[in-house]
């Protein structure tokens, strides 16, 4: 089947915290929520990336042909009119993917038919990702993610992208968190965009992210040192984030020095807590 090739996001890495959050310390609740949201929405755009460019989900289903995505996932393309649509459908029941996470429901990406090139900086608000009954490990994911190309960095000549999320996640216990953020993502190594495992990206805040945590508190968060994501690791490998619950001091979230591991150090008033990316 012939189909257009698009790149729908610039994050090719999936990173998660616990889905049903049993926190090691209640002071890290909002930190876990923010990291979880960062992972879920980058995961969604990563999935549509792969589906659009290759007709496969190589980081998720470990398949060899477009006809063999997995026992429970399918990709649908709808072309024509003012926009094109790609639907990744995991079905109504839990679908176990090769990243060991269960998914069900649909991720839907809509792209303008003209010019239809993700690296075209004339496309503003060009790619919109939405969800239809989409769950990850029994967490209901809702909202929108909008991606636009900002062109090349004048000093590094790397591609830059703006990613805006208005998100809402409800866990299996009925607790809901919201996440509203705009981030800048810069492709570091200039690789061809279907080489998923070789991609390296830096993610920086474009202002503070805000929302309500699953415990009902409001928070603000900012990436103070760019997060580093690479296709050859399932975790954020580097970067620092500040998460501040309303009425509390900032929590400093340190993702490490570049090693591919799941460990995060959270500092709260000089006290250190260890949490994991899952």
C-alpha atoms as a PDB file:
ATOM      1  CA  UNK A   1       0.000   0.000   0.000  1.00  0.00           C
ATOM      2  CA  UNK A   2       1.303   3.443  -0.912  1.00  0.00           C
ATOM      3  CA  UNK A   3       0.943   6.100   1.702  1.00  0.00           C
ATOM      4  CA  UNK A   4       2.421   9.456   2.534  1.00  0.00           C
ATOM      5  CA  UNK A   5       5.269   9.636   4.980  1.00  0.00           C
ATOM      6  CA  UNK A   6       4.954  11.972   7.900  1.00  0.00           C
ATOM      7  CA  UNK A   7       6.780  12.602  11.091  1.00  0.00           C
ATOM      8  CA  UNK A   8       4.280  13.355  13.793  1.00  0.00           C
ATOM      9  CA  UNK A   9       6.509  14.005  16.777  1.00  0.00           C
ATOM     10  CA  UNK A  10      10.089  14.406  17.698  1.00  0.00           C
ATOM     11  CA  UNK A  11      10.211  12.243  20.768  1.00  0.00           C
ATOM     12  CA  UNK A  12      11.149   8.661  20.044  1.00  0.00           C
ATOM     13  CA  UNK A  13      11.567   7.587  23.577  1.00  0.00           C
ATOM     14  CA  UNK A  14       9.021   6.248  26.001  1.00  0.00           C
ATOM     15  CA  UNK A  15       9.442   6.983  29.677  1.00  0.00           C
ATOM     16  CA  UNK A  16       6.954   6.268  32.450  1.00  0.00           C
ATOM     17  CA  UNK A  17       6.492   6.333  36.172  1.00  0.00           C
ATOM     18  CA  UNK A  18       4.226   3.983  38.042  1.00  0.00           C
ATOM     19  CA  UNK A  19       0.741   3.687  36.577  1.00  0.00           C
ATOM     20  CA  UNK A  20      -1.121   3.078  39.807  1.00  0.00           C
ATOM     21  CA  UNK A  21       1.041   5.292  41.873  1.00  0.00           C
ATOM     22  CA  UNK A  22       2.205   3.754  45.164  1.00  0.00           C
ATOM     23  CA  UNK A  23       4.594   6.536  46.069  1.00  0.00           C
ATOM     24  CA  UNK A  24       7.660   6.008  48.268  1.00  0.00           C
ATOM     25  CA  UNK A  25       6.886   9.343  49.933  1.00  0.00           C
ATOM     26  CA  UNK A  26       3.720  11.484  49.569  1.00  0.00           C
ATOM     27  CA  UNK A  27       5.880  14.584  48.993  1.00  0.00           C
ATOM     28  CA  UNK A  28       6.803  13.182  45.565  1.00  0.00           C
ATOM     29  CA  UNK A  29       3.201  12.778  44.357  1.00  0.00           C
ATOM     30  CA  UNK A  30       3.217  15.749  41.976  1.00  0.00           C
ATOM     31  CA  UNK A  31       6.669  14.796  40.704  1.00  0.00           C
ATOM     32  CA  UNK A  32       5.401  11.346  39.787  1.00  0.00           C
ATOM     33  CA  UNK A  33       2.348  12.833  38.103  1.00  0.00           C
ATOM     34  CA  UNK A  34       4.359  15.240  35.954  1.00  0.00           C
ATOM     35  CA  UNK A  35       6.877  12.576  34.889  1.00  0.00           C
ATOM     36  CA  UNK A  36       4.013  10.212  34.113  1.00  0.00           C
ATOM     37  CA  UNK A  37       2.263  12.794  31.947  1.00  0.00           C
ATOM     38  CA  UNK A  38       5.488  13.673  30.132  1.00  0.00           C
ATOM     39  CA  UNK A  39       5.887  10.003  29.301  1.00  0.00           C
ATOM     40  CA  UNK A  40       2.317   9.255  28.246  1.00  0.00           C
ATOM     41  CA  UNK A  41       1.973  12.099  25.761  1.00  0.00           C
ATOM     42  CA  UNK A  42       5.429  11.663  24.244  1.00  0.00           C
ATOM     43  CA  UNK A  43       4.664   7.966  23.962  1.00  0.00           C
ATOM     44  CA  UNK A  44       1.474   8.706  22.024  1.00  0.00           C
ATOM     45  CA  UNK A  45       3.197  10.915  19.469  1.00  0.00           C
ATOM     46  CA  UNK A  46       6.051   8.444  19.181  1.00  0.00           C
ATOM     47  CA  UNK A  47       3.588   5.693  18.284  1.00  0.00           C
ATOM     48  CA  UNK A  48       1.973   7.797  15.570  1.00  0.00           C
ATOM     49  CA  UNK A  49       5.454   8.730  14.298  1.00  0.00           C
ATOM     50  CA  UNK A  50       6.326   5.129  13.659  1.00  0.00           C
ATOM     51  CA  UNK A  51       2.934   4.260  12.229  1.00  0.00           C
ATOM     52  CA  UNK A  52       3.091   7.139   9.750  1.00  0.00           C
ATOM     53  CA  UNK A  53       6.649   6.721   8.564  1.00  0.00           C
ATOM     54  CA  UNK A  54       6.919   2.949   8.341  1.00  0.00           C
ATOM     55  CA  UNK A  55       3.479   1.389   8.768  1.00  0.00           C
ATOM     56  CA  UNK A  56       4.948  -0.442  11.748  1.00  0.00           C
ATOM     57  CA  UNK A  57       5.519   0.001  15.472  1.00  0.00           C
ATOM     58  CA  UNK A  58       9.138  -1.187  15.811  1.00  0.00           C
ATOM     59  CA  UNK A  59       9.630   0.136  19.349  1.00  0.00           C
ATOM     60  CA  UNK A  60       6.317  -1.274  20.521  1.00  0.00           C
ATOM     61  CA  UNK A  61       5.348  -4.465  18.706  1.00  0.00           C
ATOM     62  CA  UNK A  62       8.655  -5.866  17.416  1.00  0.00           C
ATOM     63  CA  UNK A  63       7.248  -6.917  14.070  1.00  0.00           C
ATOM     64  CA  UNK A  64       8.789  -7.475  10.656  1.00  0.00           C
ATOM     65  CA  UNK A  65       6.099  -6.440   8.195  1.00  0.00           C
ATOM     66  CA  UNK A  66       3.329  -3.806   8.020  1.00  0.00           C
ATOM     67  CA  UNK A  67       0.799  -6.640   7.999  1.00  0.00           C
ATOM     68  CA  UNK A  68       2.065  -8.072  11.281  1.00  0.00           C
ATOM     69  CA  UNK A  69       1.891  -5.187  13.751  1.00  0.00           C
ATOM     70  CA  UNK A  70       0.829  -7.395  16.631  1.00  0.00           C
ATOM     71  CA  UNK A  71      -2.023  -9.680  17.512  1.00  0.00           C
ATOM     72  CA  UNK A  72      -4.101  -6.714  18.644  1.00  0.00           C
ATOM     73  CA  UNK A  73      -2.949  -3.454  16.995  1.00  0.00           C
ATOM     74  CA  UNK A  74      -3.845  -2.013  13.604  1.00  0.00           C
ATOM     75  CA  UNK A  75      -3.027   1.147  11.641  1.00  0.00           C
ATOM     76  CA  UNK A  76      -5.571   2.924   9.468  1.00  0.00           C
ATOM     77  CA  UNK A  77      -4.920   5.740   6.974  1.00  0.00           C
ATOM     78  CA  UNK A  78      -7.478   8.223   5.676  1.00  0.00           C
ATOM     79  CA  UNK A  79      -6.205  10.588   2.995  1.00  0.00           C
ATOM     80  CA  UNK A  80      -7.890  13.434   1.170  1.00  0.00           C
ATOM     81  CA  UNK A  81      -9.691  16.721   1.730  1.00  0.00           C
ATOM     82  CA  UNK A  82      -8.067  19.396   3.851  1.00  0.00           C
ATOM     83  CA  UNK A  83      -6.412  16.907   6.209  1.00  0.00           C
ATOM     84  CA  UNK A  84      -5.130  13.348   6.433  1.00  0.00           C
ATOM     85  CA  UNK A  85      -5.698  11.058   9.418  1.00  0.00           C
ATOM     86  CA  UNK A  86      -3.745   8.175  10.899  1.00  0.00           C
ATOM     87  CA  UNK A  87      -5.431   5.989  13.514  1.00  0.00           C
ATOM     88  CA  UNK A  88      -3.496   3.524  15.649  1.00  0.00           C
ATOM     89  CA  UNK A  89      -6.088   1.140  17.098  1.00  0.00           C
ATOM     90  CA  UNK A  90      -5.182  -1.219  19.932  1.00  0.00           C
ATOM     91  CA  UNK A  91      -8.697  -2.648  20.089  1.00  0.00           C
ATOM     92  CA  UNK A  92     -11.250  -2.715  22.907  1.00  0.00           C
ATOM     93  CA  UNK A  93      -9.267  -5.094  25.144  1.00  0.00           C
ATOM     94  CA  UNK A  94      -5.802  -4.758  26.605  1.00  0.00           C
ATOM     95  CA  UNK A  95      -3.049  -5.200  24.014  1.00  0.00           C
ATOM     96  CA  UNK A  96       0.354  -6.190  25.407  1.00  0.00           C
ATOM     97  CA  UNK A  97       3.126  -4.425  23.481  1.00  0.00           C
ATOM     98  CA  UNK A  98       6.808  -5.251  23.467  1.00  0.00           C
ATOM     99  CA  UNK A  99       7.549  -2.452  25.932  1.00  0.00           C
ATOM    100  CA  UNK A 100       5.540  -4.573  28.454  1.00  0.00           C
ATOM    101  CA  UNK A 101       2.759  -1.997  28.727  1.00  0.00           C
ATOM    102  CA  UNK A 102      -0.898  -2.712  28.055  1.00  0.00           C
ATOM    103  CA  UNK A 103      -2.836  -0.433  25.719  1.00  0.00           C
ATOM    104  CA  UNK A 104      -6.370  -0.302  24.401  1.00  0.00           C
ATOM    105  CA  UNK A 105      -8.373   2.225  22.406  1.00  0.00           C
ATOM    106  CA  UNK A 106      -7.194   4.607  19.694  1.00  0.00           C
ATOM    107  CA  UNK A 107      -4.586   7.305  19.107  1.00  0.00           C
ATOM    108  CA  UNK A 108      -5.645   9.642  16.278  1.00  0.00           C
ATOM    109  CA  UNK A 109      -3.295  11.999  14.425  1.00  0.00           C
ATOM    110  CA  UNK A 110      -4.611  14.626  11.991  1.00  0.00           C
ATOM    111  CA  UNK A 111      -2.253  16.351   9.532  1.00  0.00           C
ATOM    112  CA  UNK A 112      -2.971  19.071   6.944  1.00  0.00           C
ATOM    113  CA  UNK A 113      -2.944  17.616   3.415  1.00  0.00           C
ATOM    114  CA  UNK A 114      -1.021  20.668   2.168  1.00  0.00           C
ATOM    115  CA  UNK A 115       1.925  21.008   2.451  1.00  0.00           C
ATOM    116  CA  UNK A 116       1.915  17.753   4.451  1.00  0.00           C
ATOM    117  CA  UNK A 117       5.566  17.833   5.516  1.00  0.00           C
ATOM    118  CA  UNK A 118       6.352  17.804   9.196  1.00  0.00           C
ATOM    119  CA  UNK A 119       9.662  19.603   8.682  1.00  0.00           C
ATOM    120  CA  UNK A 120       7.906  22.507   6.931  1.00  0.00           C
ATOM    121  CA  UNK A 121       7.999  25.519   9.257  1.00  0.00           C
ATOM    122  CA  UNK A 122       4.980  27.009   7.474  1.00  0.00           C
ATOM    123  CA  UNK A 123       2.784  24.397   9.191  1.00  0.00           C
ATOM    124  CA  UNK A 124       1.610  26.040  12.411  1.00  0.00           C
ATOM    125  CA  UNK A 125      -0.602  23.906  14.639  1.00  0.00           C
ATOM    126  CA  UNK A 126      -0.200  21.389  11.847  1.00  0.00           C
ATOM    127  CA  UNK A 127      -0.361  18.044  13.620  1.00  0.00           C
ATOM    128  CA  UNK A 128      -3.007  17.359  16.243  1.00  0.00           C
ATOM    129  CA  UNK A 129      -3.089  14.136  18.268  1.00  0.00           C
ATOM    130  CA  UNK A 130      -6.283  13.122  20.085  1.00  0.00           C
ATOM    131  CA  UNK A 131      -7.549   9.976  21.797  1.00  0.00           C
ATOM    132  CA  UNK A 132     -10.601   7.743  21.677  1.00  0.00           C
ATOM    133  CA  UNK A 133     -11.045   5.470  24.689  1.00  0.00           C
ATOM    134  CA  UNK A 134      -7.262   5.202  24.958  1.00  0.00           C
ATOM    135  CA  UNK A 135      -5.787   3.517  28.050  1.00  0.00           C
ATOM    136  CA  UNK A 136      -2.221   2.738  29.102  1.00  0.00           C
ATOM    137  CA  UNK A 137      -2.082   0.197  31.927  1.00  0.00           C
ATOM    138  CA  UNK A 138      -5.695   1.052  32.813  1.00  0.00           C
ATOM    139  CA  UNK A 139      -5.015   4.806  32.894  1.00  0.00           C
ATOM    140  CA  UNK A 140      -7.453   6.733  30.677  1.00  0.00           C
ATOM    141  CA  UNK A 141      -5.591   9.279  28.529  1.00  0.00           C
ATOM    142  CA  UNK A 142      -7.521  12.287  27.175  1.00  0.00           C
ATOM    143  CA  UNK A 143      -6.817  15.709  25.712  1.00  0.00           C
ATOM    144  CA  UNK A 144      -4.853  17.013  22.737  1.00  0.00           C
ATOM    145  CA  UNK A 145      -1.241  17.340  21.677  1.00  0.00           C
ATOM    146  CA  UNK A 146      -0.360  19.858  18.952  1.00  0.00           C
ATOM    147  CA  UNK A 147       3.017  19.825  17.195  1.00  0.00           C
ATOM    148  CA  UNK A 148       4.527  22.510  14.951  1.00  0.00           C
ATOM    149  CA  UNK A 149       7.903  22.823  13.256  1.00  0.00           C
ATOM    150  CA  UNK A 150       9.750  26.031  14.170  1.00  0.00           C
ATOM    151  CA  UNK A 151      12.444  25.575  11.543  1.00  0.00           C
ATOM    152  CA  UNK A 152      16.151  25.246  12.221  1.00  0.00           C
ATOM    153  CA  UNK A 153      18.124  26.683  15.125  1.00  0.00           C
ATOM    154  CA  UNK A 154      20.170  29.579  13.749  1.00  0.00           C
ATOM    155  CA  UNK A 155      23.307  28.571  15.673  1.00  0.00           C
ATOM    156  CA  UNK A 156      23.204  24.750  15.645  1.00  0.00           C
ATOM    157  CA  UNK A 157      21.078  24.288  12.508  1.00  0.00           C
ATOM    158  CA  UNK A 158      19.128  21.607  14.366  1.00  0.00           C
ATOM    159  CA  UNK A 159      15.394  21.265  13.809  1.00  0.00           C
ATOM    160  CA  UNK A 160      13.194  22.744  16.553  1.00  0.00           C
ATOM    161  CA  UNK A 161       9.585  21.866  17.316  1.00  0.00           C
ATOM    162  CA  UNK A 162       6.890  23.297  19.547  1.00  0.00           C
ATOM    163  CA  UNK A 163       4.739  20.772  21.399  1.00  0.00           C
ATOM    164  CA  UNK A 164       1.642  21.895  23.296  1.00  0.00           C
ATOM    165  CA  UNK A 165      -0.403  19.519  25.461  1.00  0.00           C
ATOM    166  CA  UNK A 166      -3.734  20.024  27.189  1.00  0.00           C
ATOM    167  CA  UNK A 167      -3.917  16.663  28.912  1.00  0.00           C
ATOM    168  CA  UNK A 168      -5.980  14.731  31.408  1.00  0.00           C
ATOM    169  CA  UNK A 169      -5.198  11.283  32.837  1.00  0.00           C
ATOM    170  CA  UNK A 170      -7.518   9.239  35.065  1.00  0.00           C
ATOM    171  CA  UNK A 171      -6.119   6.225  36.891  1.00  0.00           C
ATOM    172  CA  UNK A 172      -7.962   3.009  37.707  1.00  0.00           C
ATOM    173  CA  UNK A 173      -8.919   4.410  41.114  1.00  0.00           C
ATOM    174  CA  UNK A 174     -10.754   7.308  39.479  1.00  0.00           C
ATOM    175  CA  UNK A 175      -8.128   9.899  40.465  1.00  0.00           C
ATOM    176  CA  UNK A 176      -7.536  12.512  37.774  1.00  0.00           C
ATOM    177  CA  UNK A 177      -4.544  14.672  37.012  1.00  0.00           C
ATOM    178  CA  UNK A 178      -4.255  17.446  34.410  1.00  0.00           C
ATOM    179  CA  UNK A 179      -1.173  18.684  32.564  1.00  0.00           C
ATOM    180  CA  UNK A 180      -0.961  21.839  30.464  1.00  0.00           C
ATOM    181  CA  UNK A 181       2.387  22.561  28.895  1.00  0.00           C
ATOM    182  CA  UNK A 182       4.251  23.965  25.905  1.00  0.00           C
ATOM    183  CA  UNK A 183       7.741  22.624  25.265  1.00  0.00           C
ATOM    184  CA  UNK A 184      10.518  23.144  22.748  1.00  0.00           C
ATOM    185  CA  UNK A 185      12.138  19.997  21.387  1.00  0.00           C
ATOM    186  CA  UNK A 186      15.369  20.119  19.420  1.00  0.00           C
ATOM    187  CA  UNK A 187      16.661  17.267  17.282  1.00  0.00           C
ATOM    188  CA  UNK A 188      20.345  17.006  18.199  1.00  0.00           C
ATOM    189  CA  UNK A 189      22.012  14.681  15.739  1.00  0.00           C
ATOM    190  CA  UNK A 190      20.390  15.494  12.408  1.00  0.00           C
ATOM    191  CA  UNK A 191      19.558  11.835  11.738  1.00  0.00           C
ATOM    192  CA  UNK A 192      17.110  10.649   9.113  1.00  0.00           C
ATOM    193  CA  UNK A 193      13.789  10.697  10.855  1.00  0.00           C
ATOM    194  CA  UNK A 194      12.897   7.017  10.629  1.00  0.00           C
ATOM    195  CA  UNK A 195      16.076   5.887  12.433  1.00  0.00           C
ATOM    196  CA  UNK A 196      14.186   5.584  15.704  1.00  0.00           C
ATOM    197  CA  UNK A 197      17.013   4.084  17.745  1.00  0.00           C
ATOM    198  CA  UNK A 198      19.559   6.776  16.817  1.00  0.00           C
ATOM    199  CA  UNK A 199      17.523   9.892  17.580  1.00  0.00           C
ATOM    200  CA  UNK A 200      18.657  12.262  20.342  1.00  0.00           C
ATOM    201  CA  UNK A 201      16.470  15.147  21.500  1.00  0.00           C
ATOM    202  CA  UNK A 202      16.648  17.920  24.075  1.00  0.00           C
ATOM    203  CA  UNK A 203      13.386  19.050  25.673  1.00  0.00           C
ATOM    204  CA  UNK A 204      13.076  22.468  27.280  1.00  0.00           C
ATOM    205  CA  UNK A 205      10.147  24.337  28.830  1.00  0.00           C
ATOM    206  CA  UNK A 206       8.484  27.224  27.031  1.00  0.00           C
ATOM    207  CA  UNK A 207       7.142  28.663  30.275  1.00  0.00           C
ATOM    208  CA  UNK A 208       5.851  26.744  33.267  1.00  0.00           C
ATOM    209  CA  UNK A 209       3.627  23.704  32.958  1.00  0.00           C
ATOM    210  CA  UNK A 210       0.559  23.779  35.221  1.00  0.00           C
ATOM    211  CA  UNK A 211      -2.105  21.378  36.347  1.00  0.00           C
ATOM    212  CA  UNK A 212      -3.798  19.504  39.143  1.00  0.00           C
ATOM    213  CA  UNK A 213      -2.229  16.392  40.625  1.00  0.00           C
ATOM    214  CA  UNK A 214      -4.000  13.118  41.303  1.00  0.00           C
ATOM    215  CA  UNK A 215      -4.084  14.080  44.991  1.00  0.00           C
ATOM    216  CA  UNK A 216      -6.095  17.217  44.179  1.00  0.00           C
ATOM    217  CA  UNK A 217      -3.287  19.739  44.633  1.00  0.00           C
ATOM    218  CA  UNK A 218      -2.319  22.253  41.969  1.00  0.00           C
ATOM    219  CA  UNK A 219       1.266  22.511  40.807  1.00  0.00           C
ATOM    220  CA  UNK A 220       3.645  24.268  38.426  1.00  0.00           C
ATOM    221  CA  UNK A 221       6.684  22.661  36.835  1.00  0.00           C
ATOM    222  CA  UNK A 222       9.618  23.882  34.760  1.00  0.00           C
ATOM    223  CA  UNK A 223      12.457  22.087  33.002  1.00  0.00           C
ATOM    224  CA  UNK A 224      15.529  23.903  34.320  1.00  0.00           C
ATOM    225  CA  UNK A 225      18.121  21.788  32.476  1.00  0.00           C
ATOM    226  CA  UNK A 226      16.988  20.240  29.174  1.00  0.00           C
ATOM    227  CA  UNK A 227      15.789  16.661  29.345  1.00  0.00           C
ATOM    228  CA  UNK A 228      17.748  14.313  27.110  1.00  0.00           C
ATOM    229  CA  UNK A 229      15.867  11.590  25.244  1.00  0.00           C
ATOM    230  CA  UNK A 230      17.457   9.012  22.981  1.00  0.00           C
ATOM    231  CA  UNK A 231      15.995   6.198  20.931  1.00  0.00           C
ATOM    232  CA  UNK A 232      18.369   3.609  22.348  1.00  0.00           C
ATOM    233  CA  UNK A 233      17.100   4.017  25.924  1.00  0.00           C
ATOM    234  CA  UNK A 234      13.617   3.660  27.421  1.00  0.00           C
ATOM    235  CA  UNK A 235      14.193   6.376  30.011  1.00  0.00           C
ATOM    236  CA  UNK A 236      15.043  10.047  30.259  1.00  0.00           C
ATOM    237  CA  UNK A 237      18.808   9.889  30.697  1.00  0.00           C
ATOM    238  CA  UNK A 238      19.641  13.415  31.802  1.00  0.00           C
ATOM    239  CA  UNK A 239      18.103  16.725  32.825  1.00  0.00           C
ATOM    240  CA  UNK A 240      16.592  18.550  35.777  1.00  0.00           C
ATOM    241  CA  UNK A 241      13.018  19.595  36.437  1.00  0.00           C
ATOM    242  CA  UNK A 242      11.502  21.726  39.187  1.00  0.00           C
ATOM    243  CA  UNK A 243       8.004  20.774  40.413  1.00  0.00           C
ATOM    244  CA  UNK A 244       6.278  23.065  42.905  1.00  0.00           C
ATOM    245  CA  UNK A 245       2.968  22.054  44.522  1.00  0.00           C
ATOM    246  CA  UNK A 246       0.800  24.973  45.642  1.00  0.00           C
ATOM    247  CA  UNK A 247       1.904  26.206  49.068  1.00  0.00           C
ATOM    248  CA  UNK A 248       5.028  24.025  49.118  1.00  0.00           C
ATOM    249  CA  UNK A 249       8.694  24.323  48.294  1.00  0.00           C
ATOM    250  CA  UNK A 250      10.073  23.237  44.951  1.00  0.00           C
ATOM    251  CA  UNK A 251      10.910  19.605  44.341  1.00  0.00           C
ATOM    252  CA  UNK A 252      14.107  19.273  42.291  1.00  0.00           C
ATOM    253  CA  UNK A 253      13.881  16.230  40.017  1.00  0.00           C
ATOM    254  CA  UNK A 254      17.265  15.024  38.723  1.00  0.00           C
ATOM    255  CA  UNK A 255      17.207  12.387  35.975  1.00  0.00           C
ATOM    256  CA  UNK A 256      20.912  11.577  36.211  1.00  0.00           C
ATOM    257  CA  UNK A 257      24.155  12.093  34.300  1.00  0.00           C
ATOM    258  CA  UNK A 258      23.366  10.355  31.017  1.00  0.00           C
ATOM    259  CA  UNK A 259      23.362   6.685  32.027  1.00  0.00           C
ATOM    260  CA  UNK A 260      20.497   4.600  30.669  1.00  0.00           C
ATOM    261  CA  UNK A 261      18.716   3.753  33.899  1.00  0.00           C
ATOM    262  CA  UNK A 262      15.336   4.327  35.522  1.00  0.00           C
ATOM    263  CA  UNK A 263      16.517   6.087  38.674  1.00  0.00           C
ATOM    264  CA  UNK A 264      15.514   9.618  39.648  1.00  0.00           C
ATOM    265  CA  UNK A 265      16.654  11.662  42.618  1.00  0.00           C
ATOM    266  CA  UNK A 266      14.136  14.109  44.096  1.00  0.00           C
ATOM    267  CA  UNK A 267      15.375  16.792  46.486  1.00  0.00           C
ATOM    268  CA  UNK A 268      12.883  18.415  48.874  1.00  0.00           C
ATOM    269  CA  UNK A 269      14.276  20.859  51.443  1.00  0.00           C
ATOM    270  CA  UNK A 270      17.692  19.137  51.334  1.00  0.00           C
ATOM    271  CA  UNK A 271      16.095  15.709  51.793  1.00  0.00           C
ATOM    272  CA  UNK A 272      16.591  13.175  49.004  1.00  0.00           C
ATOM    273  CA  UNK A 273      14.025  10.654  47.788  1.00  0.00           C
ATOM    274  CA  UNK A 274      14.495   7.972  45.157  1.00  0.00           C
ATOM    275  CA  UNK A 275      11.779   7.277  42.617  1.00  0.00           C
ATOM    276  CA  UNK A 276      11.842   5.178  39.460  1.00  0.00           C
ATOM    277  CA  UNK A 277      10.808   5.612  35.877  1.00  0.00           C
ATOM    278  CA  UNK A 278       8.824   2.516  34.928  1.00  0.00           C
END
